[in-house]
Protein backbone atom coordinates (compact mmCIF):
# COMPACT_ATOMS: atom_id res chain seq x y z
CA MET A 1 -15.95 -30.26 -3.13
CA TYR A 2 -15.49 -28.95 0.27
CA SER A 3 -17.84 -26.09 0.53
CA PRO A 4 -16.97 -23.97 4.30
CA LYS A 5 -19.73 -22.52 6.16
CA ILE A 6 -19.62 -18.70 6.34
CA GLU A 7 -19.78 -17.39 10.28
CA GLU A 8 -23.53 -16.52 10.87
CA THR A 9 -22.63 -12.94 12.01
CA LEU A 10 -20.45 -12.32 8.57
CA VAL A 11 -23.62 -13.17 6.40
CA PRO A 12 -25.32 -9.60 7.50
CA VAL A 13 -21.93 -7.77 7.04
CA LEU A 14 -21.64 -9.70 3.39
CA TYR A 15 -25.05 -9.09 2.52
CA HIS A 16 -25.01 -5.34 3.12
CA THR A 17 -22.04 -4.77 1.11
CA ALA A 18 -22.54 -6.77 -1.85
CA LYS A 19 -26.14 -4.96 -2.00
CA ASP A 20 -24.18 -1.50 -1.85
CA ARG A 21 -21.62 -2.89 -4.61
CA GLY A 22 -24.51 -4.27 -6.46
CA ILE A 23 -22.68 -7.48 -6.90
CA PRO A 24 -23.71 -11.11 -6.12
CA MET A 25 -22.46 -12.30 -2.68
CA THR A 26 -20.74 -14.67 -3.88
CA ARG A 27 -18.99 -12.40 -6.16
CA LEU A 28 -17.87 -10.66 -3.06
CA VAL A 29 -17.12 -13.17 -1.01
CA SER A 30 -14.14 -14.54 -3.82
CA ILE A 31 -13.26 -11.13 -4.33
CA LEU A 32 -12.44 -10.69 -0.84
CA ILE A 33 -11.07 -14.48 -0.35
CA GLY A 34 -9.07 -13.76 -3.74
CA LYS A 35 -6.94 -10.70 -2.31
CA ALA A 36 -6.32 -12.14 0.98
CA LEU A 37 -4.53 -15.39 -0.22
CA SER A 38 -2.88 -13.12 -2.76
CA SER A 39 -1.03 -11.78 0.11
CA GLU A 40 -0.12 -15.12 1.51
CA ALA A 41 2.28 -17.62 1.08
CA LEU A 42 0.74 -20.45 -0.34
CA PRO A 43 2.08 -23.59 -0.57
CA ILE A 44 3.13 -24.25 -4.04
CA SER A 45 0.52 -26.58 -4.81
CA ALA A 46 -1.78 -24.22 -4.22
CA ASN A 47 -0.02 -21.45 -6.58
CA VAL A 48 -1.36 -23.36 -9.90
CA ALA A 49 -4.91 -22.53 -8.68
CA MET A 50 -4.23 -19.40 -7.39
CA ARG A 51 -2.63 -18.28 -10.83
CA GLU A 52 -6.16 -19.81 -12.65
CA PHE A 53 -8.39 -17.79 -10.12
CA ILE A 54 -6.24 -14.30 -10.93
CA ALA A 55 -6.45 -15.15 -14.97
CA ARG A 56 -9.65 -15.68 -14.50
CA SER A 57 -10.58 -12.59 -12.48
CA GLN A 58 -8.87 -10.58 -15.06
CA THR A 59 -10.88 -11.92 -17.93
CA GLN A 60 -14.03 -11.13 -16.06
CA ASN A 61 -12.87 -7.81 -15.22
CA ALA A 62 -12.03 -6.83 -18.91
CA THR A 63 -15.57 -8.19 -19.87
CA LYS A 64 -17.34 -5.64 -18.00
């Protein structure tokens, strides 16, 4: 699967924000990307994957 490189100047911002929130940086990135994409007009082919992401996020939040 394709894994895009994060802009280097954003890494410290993500690191310190995740550390402040007490969550892994990867989880912070997923949350932020998910929020951004949920406000976008997505192509039909992406809607199924987005619904799966939302469902999994809700399940993970419910178990905390």
